[in-house]
Amino acid sequence: MQQGGRAILSVCTRCRVPGDGCALEERPGYRLAQRIKTQFSESDAARLGIELRGVRCMSQCKRHCVVALSGTGKFTLVFGDLDASTDADAILQLAAQYAEAPDGLIERPARPEPLRAGILGRIPPLAFDGEQIDTTFTIKPTDCEEVL
C-alpha cells in the first residue's frame, strides 16, 4: 500500500432484500460481513494493511449487499448487488488489488468476476485534479469571485 496511506474495506451490515423483515443475523449484509470477517485475517488484503469495518447502513437498500473501498489519496469504489453466500473471497481479492493500486482504480477486466459489474460509484479523492474531472463544471472557492 502507498506509504503513509490508509485503506478501508467498508461492509454494510444491515443490507437486506427489499421488503424482507428478517432478523439482523439473517440479513444478507450481515451474513456477507460475517463471512468477510471470518476470512479477513488470512487474506492478502489484511497482509497489505487494509482495514475492515462494518457500517450499520450505507443507504443503498435497492442494491443490497454493498461494500466500499476508500483510501488516502485514492478513488473510493462502491459495489452493490453482491451475493452474501459466494462473494466474500472476490471482495477480499479486490481489496488486496485496491491496496496495491496507487490511485485506487482497478479496471473492470482486472477485477474478480463477481465485481466486474455492480459498481455503484467511483468517487475521486478530495485533492484530485486528473483527467476524470470535468473542469467545465468545477468551481473552487477561490474561483467564486470570478463567477459573481
C-alpha atoms as a PDB file:
ATOM      1  CA  MET A   1       0.000   0.000   0.000  1.00  0.00           C
ATOM      2  CA  GLN A   2       1.010   3.600  -0.587  1.00  0.00           C
ATOM      3  CA  GLN A   3       3.481   4.834   2.056  1.00  0.00           C
ATOM      4  CA  GLY A   4       1.583   6.530   4.872  1.00  0.00           C
ATOM      5  CA  GLY A   5      -1.684   5.644   3.163  1.00  0.00           C
ATOM      6  CA  ARG A   6      -4.679   4.129   4.806  1.00  0.00           C
ATOM      7  CA  ALA A   7      -7.245   1.972   3.030  1.00  0.00           C
ATOM      8  CA  ILE A   8     -10.517   0.634   4.370  1.00  0.00           C
ATOM      9  CA  LEU A   9     -12.963  -2.023   3.223  1.00  0.00           C
ATOM     10  CA  SER A  10     -16.410  -0.992   4.483  1.00  0.00           C
ATOM     11  CA  VAL A  11     -19.208  -3.568   4.509  1.00  0.00           C
ATOM     12  CA  CYS A  12     -22.869  -2.719   5.063  1.00  0.00           C
ATOM     13  CA  THR A  13     -24.085  -4.962   7.879  1.00  0.00           C
ATOM     14  CA  ARG A  14     -27.784  -4.062   7.564  1.00  0.00           C
ATOM     15  CA  CYS A  15     -28.393  -4.811   3.869  1.00  0.00           C
ATOM     16  CA  ARG A  16     -31.481  -6.885   3.245  1.00  0.00           C
ATOM     17  CA  VAL A  17     -33.665  -7.810   0.343  1.00  0.00           C
ATOM     18  CA  PRO A  18     -36.283  -5.038  -0.030  1.00  0.00           C
ATOM     19  CA  GLY A  19     -39.478  -5.957   1.788  1.00  0.00           C
ATOM     20  CA  ASP A  20     -37.798  -8.712   3.810  1.00  0.00           C
ATOM     21  CA  GLY A  21     -38.275  -8.136   7.534  1.00  0.00           C
ATOM     22  CA  CYS A  22     -35.868 -10.845   8.663  1.00  0.00           C
ATOM     23  CA  ALA A  23     -33.794 -10.676  11.843  1.00  0.00           C
ATOM     24  CA  LEU A  24     -30.441  -8.887  11.641  1.00  0.00           C
ATOM     25  CA  GLU A  25     -28.384 -12.109  11.722  1.00  0.00           C
ATOM     26  CA  GLU A  26     -30.368 -13.449   8.758  1.00  0.00           C
ATOM     27  CA  ARG A  27     -29.900 -10.381   6.564  1.00  0.00           C
ATOM     28  CA  PRO A  28     -27.627 -10.839   3.533  1.00  0.00           C
ATOM     29  CA  GLY A  29     -25.463  -7.842   4.530  1.00  0.00           C
ATOM     30  CA  TYR A  30     -24.839  -9.253   7.991  1.00  0.00           C
ATOM     31  CA  ARG A  31     -24.031 -12.684   6.572  1.00  0.00           C
ATOM     32  CA  LEU A  32     -21.649 -11.163   3.994  1.00  0.00           C
ATOM     33  CA  ALA A  33     -19.924  -9.094   6.686  1.00  0.00           C
ATOM     34  CA  GLN A  34     -19.586 -12.214   8.863  1.00  0.00           C
ATOM     35  CA  ARG A  35     -18.030 -14.236   6.009  1.00  0.00           C
ATOM     36  CA  ILE A  36     -15.576 -11.448   5.203  1.00  0.00           C
ATOM     37  CA  LYS A  37     -14.654 -11.046   8.878  1.00  0.00           C
ATOM     38  CA  THR A  38     -14.079 -14.800   9.234  1.00  0.00           C
ATOM     39  CA  GLN A  39     -11.711 -14.876   6.230  1.00  0.00           C
ATOM     40  CA  PHE A  40     -10.108 -11.476   6.740  1.00  0.00           C
ATOM     41  CA  SER A  41      -7.107 -12.240   8.971  1.00  0.00           C
ATOM     42  CA  GLU A  42      -5.792 -14.837   6.499  1.00  0.00           C
ATOM     43  CA  SER A  43      -6.339 -12.675   3.411  1.00  0.00           C
ATOM     44  CA  ASP A  44      -3.866 -10.784   1.246  1.00  0.00           C
ATOM     45  CA  ALA A  45      -5.949  -7.680   1.934  1.00  0.00           C
ATOM     46  CA  ALA A  46      -5.149  -7.892   5.653  1.00  0.00           C
ATOM     47  CA  ARG A  47      -1.461  -8.590   4.958  1.00  0.00           C
ATOM     48  CA  LEU A  48      -1.359  -5.497   2.736  1.00  0.00           C
ATOM     49  CA  GLY A  49      -2.755  -3.299   5.509  1.00  0.00           C
ATOM     50  CA  ILE A  50      -6.401  -2.955   4.524  1.00  0.00           C
ATOM     51  CA  GLU A  51      -8.663  -2.223   7.488  1.00  0.00           C
ATOM     52  CA  LEU A  52     -12.089  -3.845   7.762  1.00  0.00           C
ATOM     53  CA  ARG A  53     -15.105  -2.039   9.191  1.00  0.00           C
ATOM     54  CA  GLY A  54     -18.781  -2.807   9.388  1.00  0.00           C
ATOM     55  CA  VAL A  55     -21.160   0.047   8.635  1.00  0.00           C
ATOM     56  CA  ARG A  56     -24.692  -0.074  10.021  1.00  0.00           C
ATOM     57  CA  CYS A  57     -26.199   1.348   6.841  1.00  0.00           C
ATOM     58  CA  MET A  58     -24.655   2.542   3.575  1.00  0.00           C
ATOM     59  CA  SER A  59     -28.009   3.736   2.137  1.00  0.00           C
ATOM     60  CA  GLN A  60     -28.020   1.519  -0.949  1.00  0.00           C
ATOM     61  CA  CYS A  61     -31.070  -0.511   0.020  1.00  0.00           C
ATOM     62  CA  LYS A  62     -32.206  -1.171  -3.546  1.00  0.00           C
ATOM     63  CA  ARG A  63     -28.750  -2.616  -4.354  1.00  0.00           C
ATOM     64  CA  HIS A  64     -28.295  -4.763  -1.238  1.00  0.00           C
ATOM     65  CA  CYS A  65     -25.021  -6.311  -0.143  1.00  0.00           C
ATOM     66  CA  VAL A  66     -22.861  -3.223  -0.512  1.00  0.00           C
ATOM     67  CA  VAL A  67     -19.140  -2.726   0.069  1.00  0.00           C
ATOM     68  CA  ALA A  68     -16.855   0.247  -0.441  1.00  0.00           C
ATOM     69  CA  LEU A  69     -13.103   0.656  -0.690  1.00  0.00           C
ATOM     70  CA  SER A  70     -11.658   4.011   0.304  1.00  0.00           C
ATOM     71  CA  GLY A  71      -8.153   5.207   0.964  1.00  0.00           C
ATOM     72  CA  THR A  72      -5.948   8.217   1.446  1.00  0.00           C
ATOM     73  CA  GLY A  73      -5.436   9.862  -1.947  1.00  0.00           C
ATOM     74  CA  LYS A  74      -7.383   7.113  -3.737  1.00  0.00           C
ATOM     75  CA  PHE A  75     -10.658   6.873  -5.585  1.00  0.00           C
ATOM     76  CA  THR A  76     -13.444   5.400  -3.464  1.00  0.00           C
ATOM     77  CA  LEU A  77     -15.108   2.413  -5.118  1.00  0.00           C
ATOM     78  CA  VAL A  78     -18.645   1.343  -4.164  1.00  0.00           C
ATOM     79  CA  PHE A  79     -20.153  -2.009  -5.207  1.00  0.00           C
ATOM     80  CA  GLY A  80     -23.616  -3.493  -4.730  1.00  0.00           C
ATOM     81  CA  ASP A  81     -25.763  -6.422  -5.814  1.00  0.00           C
ATOM     82  CA  LEU A  82     -23.288  -8.806  -4.209  1.00  0.00           C
ATOM     83  CA  ASP A  83     -24.068 -12.358  -3.142  1.00  0.00           C
ATOM     84  CA  ALA A  84     -23.662 -12.963   0.579  1.00  0.00           C
ATOM     85  CA  SER A  85     -23.131 -16.685   0.019  1.00  0.00           C
ATOM     86  CA  THR A  86     -20.413 -16.584  -2.640  1.00  0.00           C
ATOM     87  CA  ASP A  87     -18.676 -13.204  -2.997  1.00  0.00           C
ATOM     88  CA  ALA A  88     -16.563 -12.796   0.168  1.00  0.00           C
ATOM     89  CA  ASP A  89     -13.410 -14.224  -1.466  1.00  0.00           C
ATOM     90  CA  ALA A  90     -13.776 -11.966  -4.500  1.00  0.00           C
ATOM     91  CA  ILE A  91     -14.292  -8.911  -2.283  1.00  0.00           C
ATOM     92  CA  LEU A  92     -11.127  -9.679  -0.325  1.00  0.00           C
ATOM     93  CA  GLN A  93      -9.206 -10.199  -3.597  1.00  0.00           C
ATOM     94  CA  LEU A  94     -10.429  -6.820  -4.818  1.00  0.00           C
ATOM     95  CA  ALA A  95      -9.404  -5.222  -1.516  1.00  0.00           C
ATOM     96  CA  ALA A  96      -5.872  -6.584  -1.999  1.00  0.00           C
ATOM     97  CA  GLN A  97      -5.800  -5.161  -5.536  1.00  0.00           C
ATOM     98  CA  TYR A  98      -7.008  -1.828  -4.153  1.00  0.00           C
ATOM     99  CA  ALA A  99      -4.200  -1.776  -1.590  1.00  0.00           C
ATOM    100  CA  GLU A 100      -1.666  -2.085  -4.398  1.00  0.00           C
ATOM    101  CA  ALA A 101      -3.307   0.371  -6.821  1.00  0.00           C
ATOM    102  CA  PRO A 102      -1.695   3.810  -6.342  1.00  0.00           C
ATOM    103  CA  ASP A 103      -4.880   5.693  -7.276  1.00  0.00           C
ATOM    104  CA  GLY A 104      -7.370   3.004  -6.218  1.00  0.00           C
ATOM    105  CA  LEU A 105      -8.642   2.426  -9.750  1.00  0.00           C
ATOM    106  CA  ILE A 106      -8.928  -1.185 -10.853  1.00  0.00           C
ATOM    107  CA  GLU A 107     -10.007  -1.733 -14.444  1.00  0.00           C
ATOM    108  CA  ARG A 108     -13.064  -3.922 -14.956  1.00  0.00           C
ATOM    109  CA  PRO A 109     -11.224  -6.855 -16.639  1.00  0.00           C
ATOM    110  CA  ALA A 110      -8.713  -6.990 -13.768  1.00  0.00           C
ATOM    111  CA  ARG A 111     -11.384  -7.260 -11.055  1.00  0.00           C
ATOM    112  CA  PRO A 112     -12.558 -10.644  -9.731  1.00  0.00           C
ATOM    113  CA  GLU A 113     -15.517 -11.848 -11.806  1.00  0.00           C
ATOM    114  CA  PRO A 114     -18.338 -11.018  -9.343  1.00  0.00           C
ATOM    115  CA  LEU A 115     -17.078  -7.411  -9.139  1.00  0.00           C
ATOM    116  CA  ARG A 116     -16.855  -6.665 -12.854  1.00  0.00           C
ATOM    117  CA  ALA A 117     -20.458  -5.483 -12.675  1.00  0.00           C
ATOM    118  CA  GLY A 118     -22.363  -3.923  -9.815  1.00  0.00           C
ATOM    119  CA  ILE A 119     -20.148  -0.872  -9.399  1.00  0.00           C
ATOM    120  CA  LEU A 120     -22.314   1.868  -7.920  1.00  0.00           C
ATOM    121  CA  GLY A 121     -19.748   4.615  -7.765  1.00  0.00           C
ATOM    122  CA  ARG A 122     -16.183   5.733  -8.371  1.00  0.00           C
ATOM    123  CA  ILE A 123     -15.581   8.902  -6.336  1.00  0.00           C
ATOM    124  CA  PRO A 124     -12.341  10.860  -6.793  1.00  0.00           C
ATOM    125  CA  PRO A 125     -10.202  11.739  -3.778  1.00  0.00           C
ATOM    126  CA  LEU A 126     -10.542  15.269  -2.403  1.00  0.00           C
ATOM    127  CA  ALA A 127      -7.387  16.770  -3.909  1.00  0.00           C
ATOM    128  CA  PHE A 128      -7.690  15.043  -7.293  1.00  0.00           C
ATOM    129  CA  ASP A 129      -7.369  17.112 -10.487  1.00  0.00           C
ATOM    130  CA  GLY A 130      -6.841  14.349 -13.068  1.00  0.00           C
ATOM    131  CA  GLU A 131      -8.494  13.744 -16.413  1.00  0.00           C
ATOM    132  CA  GLN A 132     -11.696  12.357 -14.854  1.00  0.00           C
ATOM    133  CA  ILE A 133     -12.516  15.839 -13.526  1.00  0.00           C
ATOM    134  CA  ASP A 134     -14.638  17.925 -15.908  1.00  0.00           C
ATOM    135  CA  THR A 135     -13.288  21.425 -15.351  1.00  0.00           C
ATOM    136  CA  THR A 136     -16.221  22.932 -17.271  1.00  0.00           C
ATOM    137  CA  PHE A 137     -18.363  22.273 -14.194  1.00  0.00           C
ATOM    138  CA  THR A 138     -15.749  22.725 -11.457  1.00  0.00           C
ATOM    139  CA  ILE A 139     -15.721  25.831  -9.292  1.00  0.00           C
ATOM    140  CA  LYS A 140     -13.295  26.119  -6.380  1.00  0.00           C
ATOM    141  CA  PRO A 141     -13.798  28.616  -3.538  1.00  0.00           C
ATOM    142  CA  THR A 142     -11.065  30.842  -4.989  1.00  0.00           C
ATOM    143  CA  ASP A 143     -12.984  30.907  -8.302  1.00  0.00           C
ATOM    144  CA  CYS A 144     -16.234  32.177  -6.747  1.00  0.00           C
ATOM    145  CA  GLU A 145     -15.299  35.858  -7.088  1.00  0.00           C
ATOM    146  CA  GLU A 146     -14.858  35.364 -10.836  1.00  0.00           C
ATOM    147  CA  VAL A 147     -18.309  33.717 -11.121  1.00  0.00           C
ATOM    148  CA  LEU A 148     -20.052  36.535  -9.262  1.00  0.00           C
END
